[in-house]
């Protein structure tokens, strides 16, 4: 299963695609780091993450 791992903090929001099999992370892709001050909301940062990936998010 593919999912998005996120770390949302006061200064940065980090998103990365991860693959999980049988409850274990089998692959964690490189994180995309966005400055929270540059995005009005979490949905806005999420949209930018999807644009940077260039494909639909899981």
PDB file of N, CA and C in Angstrom:
ATOM      1  N   UNK A   1       0.833  -1.155   0.000  1.00  0.00           N
ATOM      2  CA  UNK A   1       0.000   0.000   0.000  1.00  0.00           C
ATOM      3  C   UNK A   1       0.893   1.238   0.000  1.00  0.00           C
ATOM      4  N   UNK A   2       0.515   2.221  -0.782  1.00  0.00           N
ATOM      5  CA  UNK A   2       1.255   3.480  -0.817  1.00  0.00           C
ATOM      6  C   UNK A   2       0.488   4.515  -0.003  1.00  0.00           C
ATOM      7  N   UNK A   3       1.221   5.280   0.787  1.00  0.00           N
ATOM      8  CA  UNK A   3       0.602   6.343   1.574  1.00  0.00           C
ATOM      9  C   UNK A   3       1.552   7.517   1.671  1.00  0.00           C
ATOM     10  N   UNK A   4       1.051   8.611   2.238  1.00  0.00           N
ATOM     11  CA  UNK A   4       1.874   9.798   2.426  1.00  0.00           C
ATOM     12  C   UNK A   4       2.212   9.919   3.906  1.00  0.00           C
ATOM     13  N   UNK A   5       3.506  10.037   4.191  1.00  0.00           N
ATOM     14  CA  UNK A   5       3.971  10.337   5.545  1.00  0.00           C
ATOM     15  C   UNK A   5       4.137  11.852   5.618  1.00  0.00           C
ATOM     16  N   UNK A   6       3.689  12.439   6.720  1.00  0.00           N
ATOM     17  CA  UNK A   6       3.770  13.890   6.860  1.00  0.00           C
ATOM     18  C   UNK A   6       4.299  14.271   8.234  1.00  0.00           C
ATOM     19  N   UNK A   7       5.069  15.347   8.249  1.00  0.00           N
ATOM     20  CA  UNK A   7       5.575  15.939   9.485  1.00  0.00           C
ATOM     21  C   UNK A   7       5.262  17.422   9.379  1.00  0.00           C
ATOM     22  N   UNK A   8       4.236  17.859  10.097  1.00  0.00           N
ATOM     23  CA  UNK A   8       3.792  19.247  10.015  1.00  0.00           C
ATOM     24  C   UNK A   8       4.241  19.967  11.279  1.00  0.00           C
ATOM     25  N   UNK A   9       5.096  20.952  11.111  1.00  0.00           N
ATOM     26  CA  UNK A   9       5.604  21.698  12.256  1.00  0.00           C
ATOM     27  C   UNK A   9       5.345  23.186  12.105  1.00  0.00           C
ATOM     28  N   UNK A  10       5.867  23.948  13.025  1.00  0.00           N
ATOM     29  CA  UNK A  10       5.671  25.389  13.003  1.00  0.00           C
ATOM     30  C   UNK A  10       6.420  26.095  11.890  1.00  0.00           C
ATOM     31  N   UNK A  11       7.541  25.536  11.460  1.00  0.00           N
ATOM     32  CA  UNK A  11       8.350  26.162  10.412  1.00  0.00           C
ATOM     33  C   UNK A  11       8.270  25.463   9.066  1.00  0.00           C
ATOM     34  N   UNK A  12       8.088  24.141   9.083  1.00  0.00           N
ATOM     35  CA  UNK A  12       8.093  23.371   7.837  1.00  0.00           C
ATOM     36  C   UNK A  12       7.012  22.300   7.842  1.00  0.00           C
ATOM     37  N   UNK A  13       6.560  21.976   6.647  1.00  0.00           N
ATOM     38  CA  UNK A  13       5.695  20.812   6.428  1.00  0.00           C
ATOM     39  C   UNK A  13       6.475  19.893   5.498  1.00  0.00           C
ATOM     40  N   UNK A  14       6.640  18.650   5.919  1.00  0.00           N
ATOM     41  CA  UNK A  14       7.382  17.679   5.105  1.00  0.00           C
ATOM     42  C   UNK A  14       6.437  16.552   4.720  1.00  0.00           C
ATOM     43  N   UNK A  15       6.474  16.193   3.447  1.00  0.00           N
ATOM     44  CA  UNK A  15       5.645  15.119   2.918  1.00  0.00           C
ATOM     45  C   UNK A  15       6.534  14.145   2.157  1.00  0.00           C
ATOM     46  N   UNK A  16       6.257  12.857   2.286  1.00  0.00           N
ATOM     47  CA  UNK A  16       7.005  11.845   1.536  1.00  0.00           C
ATOM     48  C   UNK A  16       6.094  10.662   1.253  1.00  0.00           C
ATOM     49  N   UNK A  17       6.254  10.072   0.086  1.00  0.00           N
ATOM     50  CA  UNK A  17       5.528   8.845  -0.228  1.00  0.00           C
ATOM     51  C   UNK A  17       6.212   7.678   0.460  1.00  0.00           C
ATOM     52  N   UNK A  18       5.406   6.768   0.969  1.00  0.00           N
ATOM     53  CA  UNK A  18       5.936   5.573   1.626  1.00  0.00           C
ATOM     54  C   UNK A  18       5.154   4.360   1.153  1.00  0.00           C
ATOM     55  N   UNK A  19       5.834   3.245   1.063  1.00  0.00           N
ATOM     56  CA  UNK A  19       5.184   1.966   0.776  1.00  0.00           C
ATOM     57  C   UNK A  19       5.164   1.161   2.063  1.00  0.00           C
ATOM     58  N   UNK A  20       4.007   0.578   2.361  1.00  0.00           N
ATOM     59  CA  UNK A  20       3.833  -0.214   3.578  1.00  0.00           C
ATOM     60  C   UNK A  20       3.300  -1.587   3.189  1.00  0.00           C
ATOM     61  N   UNK A  21       3.945  -2.622   3.693  1.00  0.00           N
ATOM     62  CA  UNK A  21       3.509  -4.000   3.462  1.00  0.00           C
ATOM     63  C   UNK A  21       3.502  -4.735   4.789  1.00  0.00           C
ATOM     64  N   UNK A  22       2.401  -5.377   5.086  1.00  0.00           N
ATOM     65  CA  UNK A  22       2.258  -6.153   6.328  1.00  0.00           C
ATOM     66  C   UNK A  22       2.607  -5.322   7.558  1.00  0.00           C
ATOM     67  N   UNK A  23       2.186  -4.049   7.534  1.00  0.00           N
ATOM     68  CA  UNK A  23       2.392  -3.179   8.676  1.00  0.00           C
ATOM     69  C   UNK A  23       3.782  -2.597   8.825  1.00  0.00           C
ATOM     70  N   UNK A  24       4.640  -2.807   7.832  1.00  0.00           N
ATOM     71  CA  UNK A  24       6.017  -2.301   7.899  1.00  0.00           C
ATOM     72  C   UNK A  24       6.306  -1.400   6.706  1.00  0.00           C
ATOM     73  N   UNK A  25       7.055  -0.349   6.956  1.00  0.00           N
ATOM     74  CA  UNK A  25       7.475   0.539   5.871  1.00  0.00           C
ATOM     75  C   UNK A  25       8.574  -0.166   5.091  1.00  0.00           C
ATOM     76  N   UNK A  26       8.328  -0.379   3.788  1.00  0.00           N
ATOM     77  CA  UNK A  26       9.317  -1.045   2.947  1.00  0.00           C
ATOM     78  C   UNK A  26      10.102  -0.049   2.092  1.00  0.00           C
ATOM     79  N   UNK A  27       9.545   1.155   1.928  1.00  0.00           N
ATOM     80  CA  UNK A  27      10.242   2.191   1.167  1.00  0.00           C
ATOM     81  C   UNK A  27       9.719   3.543   1.624  1.00  0.00           C
ATOM     82  N   UNK A  28      10.640   4.472   1.831  1.00  0.00           N
ATOM     83  CA  UNK A  28      10.286   5.852   2.160  1.00  0.00           C
ATOM     84  C   UNK A  28      11.032   6.742   1.181  1.00  0.00           C
ATOM     85  N   UNK A  29      10.284   7.414   0.323  1.00  0.00           N
ATOM     86  CA  UNK A  29      10.899   8.288  -0.675  1.00  0.00           C
ATOM     87  C   UNK A  29      11.395   9.580  -0.032  1.00  0.00           C
ATOM     88  N   UNK A  30      12.180  10.317  -0.781  1.00  0.00           N
ATOM     89  CA  UNK A  30      12.719  11.586  -0.298  1.00  0.00           C
ATOM     90  C   UNK A  30      11.581  12.552   0.016  1.00  0.00           C
ATOM     91  N   UNK A  31      11.726  13.283   1.093  1.00  0.00           N
ATOM     92  CA  UNK A  31      10.690  14.226   1.526  1.00  0.00           C
ATOM     93  C   UNK A  31      10.710  15.502   0.693  1.00  0.00           C
ATOM     94  N   UNK A  32       9.527  16.057   0.512  1.00  0.00           N
ATOM     95  CA  UNK A  32       9.368  17.395  -0.053  1.00  0.00           C
ATOM     96  C   UNK A  32       9.135  18.307   1.144  1.00  0.00           C
ATOM     97  N   UNK A  33       9.971  19.325   1.298  1.00  0.00           N
ATOM     98  CA  UNK A  33       9.877  20.232   2.440  1.00  0.00           C
ATOM     99  C   UNK A  33       9.354  21.583   1.980  1.00  0.00           C
ATOM    100  N   UNK A  34       8.308  22.052   2.649  1.00  0.00           N
ATOM    101  CA  UNK A  34       7.696  23.341   2.339  1.00  0.00           C
ATOM    102  C   UNK A  34       7.722  24.207   3.594  1.00  0.00           C
ATOM    103  N   UNK A  35       7.969  25.495   3.424  1.00  0.00           N
ATOM    104  CA  UNK A  35       7.919  26.413   4.570  1.00  0.00           C
ATOM    105  C   UNK A  35       6.456  26.717   4.884  1.00  0.00           C
ATOM    106  N   UNK A  36       6.054  26.524   6.122  1.00  0.00           N
ATOM    107  CA  UNK A  36       4.647  26.724   6.478  1.00  0.00           C
ATOM    108  C   UNK A  36       4.220  28.179   6.308  1.00  0.00           C
ATOM    109  N   UNK A  37       5.120  29.122   6.519  1.00  0.00           N
ATOM    110  CA  UNK A  37       4.775  30.538   6.384  1.00  0.00           C
ATOM    111  C   UNK A  37       4.407  30.911   4.951  1.00  0.00           C
ATOM    112  N   UNK A  38       4.803  30.097   3.984  1.00  0.00           N
ATOM    113  CA  UNK A  38       4.534  30.393   2.577  1.00  0.00           C
ATOM    114  C   UNK A  38       3.226  29.780   2.082  1.00  0.00           C
ATOM    115  N   UNK A  39       2.497  29.101   2.963  1.00  0.00           N
ATOM    116  CA  UNK A  39       1.252  28.437   2.565  1.00  0.00           C
ATOM    117  C   UNK A  39       0.156  28.773   3.566  1.00  0.00           C
ATOM    118  N   UNK A  40      -0.993  29.166   3.048  1.00  0.00           N
ATOM    119  CA  UNK A  40      -2.085  29.639   3.899  1.00  0.00           C
ATOM    120  C   UNK A  40      -2.717  28.545   4.747  1.00  0.00           C
ATOM    121  N   UNK A  41      -2.598  27.291   4.294  1.00  0.00           N
ATOM    122  CA  UNK A  41      -3.272  26.205   5.006  1.00  0.00           C
ATOM    123  C   UNK A  41      -2.631  24.865   4.655  1.00  0.00           C
ATOM    124  N   UNK A  42      -2.990  23.850   5.423  1.00  0.00           N
ATOM    125  CA  UNK A  42      -2.521  22.499   5.120  1.00  0.00           C
ATOM    126  C   UNK A  42      -3.012  22.043   3.745  1.00  0.00           C
ATOM    127  N   UNK A  43      -4.287  22.270   3.386  1.00  0.00           N
ATOM    128  CA  UNK A  43      -4.715  21.874   2.038  1.00  0.00           C
ATOM    129  C   UNK A  43      -3.903  22.539   0.923  1.00  0.00           C
ATOM    130  N   UNK A  44      -3.483  23.773   1.132  1.00  0.00           N
ATOM    131  CA  UNK A  44      -2.658  24.452   0.130  1.00  0.00           C
ATOM    132  C   UNK A  44      -1.298  23.776   0.010  1.00  0.00           C
ATOM    133  N   UNK A  45      -0.677  23.456   1.139  1.00  0.00           N
ATOM    134  CA  UNK A  45       0.618  22.763   1.117  1.00  0.00           C
ATOM    135  C   UNK A  45       0.469  21.386   0.475  1.00  0.00           C
ATOM    136  N   UNK A  46      -0.624  20.685   0.777  1.00  0.00           N
ATOM    137  CA  UNK A  46      -0.905  19.365   0.203  1.00  0.00           C
ATOM    138  C   UNK A  46      -0.985  19.463  -1.322  1.00  0.00           C
ATOM    139  N   UNK A  47      -1.662  20.485  -1.805  1.00  0.00           N
ATOM    140  CA  UNK A  47      -1.796  20.687  -3.254  1.00  0.00           C
ATOM    141  C   UNK A  47      -0.426  20.914  -3.898  1.00  0.00           C
ATOM    142  N   UNK A  48       0.413  21.715  -3.270  1.00  0.00           N
ATOM    143  CA  UNK A  48       1.761  21.970  -3.790  1.00  0.00           C
ATOM    144  C   UNK A  48       2.571  20.675  -3.808  1.00  0.00           C
ATOM    145  N   UNK A  49       2.447  19.871  -2.759  1.00  0.00           N
ATOM    146  CA  UNK A  49       3.134  18.578  -2.720  1.00  0.00           C
ATOM    147  C   UNK A  49       2.727  17.735  -3.927  1.00  0.00           C
ATOM    148  N   UNK A  50       1.439  17.651  -4.205  1.00  0.00           N
ATOM    149  CA  UNK A  50       0.966  16.897  -5.364  1.00  0.00           C
ATOM    150  C   UNK A  50       1.509  17.442  -6.671  1.00  0.00           C
ATOM    151  N   UNK A  51       1.570  18.757  -6.789  1.00  0.00           N
ATOM    152  CA  UNK A  51       2.112  19.373  -8.005  1.00  0.00           C
ATOM    153  C   UNK A  51       3.591  19.030  -8.179  1.00  0.00           C
ATOM    154  N   UNK A  52       4.333  19.038  -7.101  1.00  0.00           N
ATOM    155  CA  UNK A  52       5.772  18.714  -7.181  1.00  0.00           C
ATOM    156  C   UNK A  52       5.994  17.257  -7.563  1.00  0.00           C
ATOM    157  N   UNK A  53       5.093  16.381  -7.107  1.00  0.00           N
ATOM    158  CA  UNK A  53       5.212  14.972  -7.490  1.00  0.00           C
ATOM    159  C   UNK A  53       4.867  14.768  -8.958  1.00  0.00           C
ATOM    160  N   UNK A  54       3.957  15.590  -9.454  1.00  0.00           N
ATOM    161  CA  UNK A  54       3.544  15.470 -10.846  1.00  0.00           C
ATOM    162  C   UNK A  54       2.613  14.300 -11.105  1.00  0.00           C
ATOM    163  N   UNK A  55       1.913  13.870 -10.062  1.00  0.00           N
ATOM    164  CA  UNK A  55       0.958  12.771 -10.223  1.00  0.00           C
ATOM    165  C   UNK A  55      -0.063  12.830  -9.097  1.00  0.00           C
ATOM    166  N   UNK A  56      -1.085  12.007  -9.223  1.00  0.00           N
ATOM    167  CA  UNK A  56      -2.130  11.970  -8.194  1.00  0.00           C
ATOM    168  C   UNK A  56      -1.574  11.416  -6.885  1.00  0.00           C
ATOM    169  N   UNK A  57      -2.057  11.971  -5.788  1.00  0.00           N
ATOM    170  CA  UNK A  57      -1.641  11.483  -4.471  1.00  0.00           C
ATOM    171  C   UNK A  57      -2.491  10.282  -4.069  1.00  0.00           C
ATOM    172  N   UNK A  58      -1.916   9.382  -3.278  1.00  0.00           N
ATOM    173  CA  UNK A  58      -2.698   8.210  -2.841  1.00  0.00           C
ATOM    174  C   UNK A  58      -3.799   8.609  -1.866  1.00  0.00           C
TER     175      UNK A  58
END
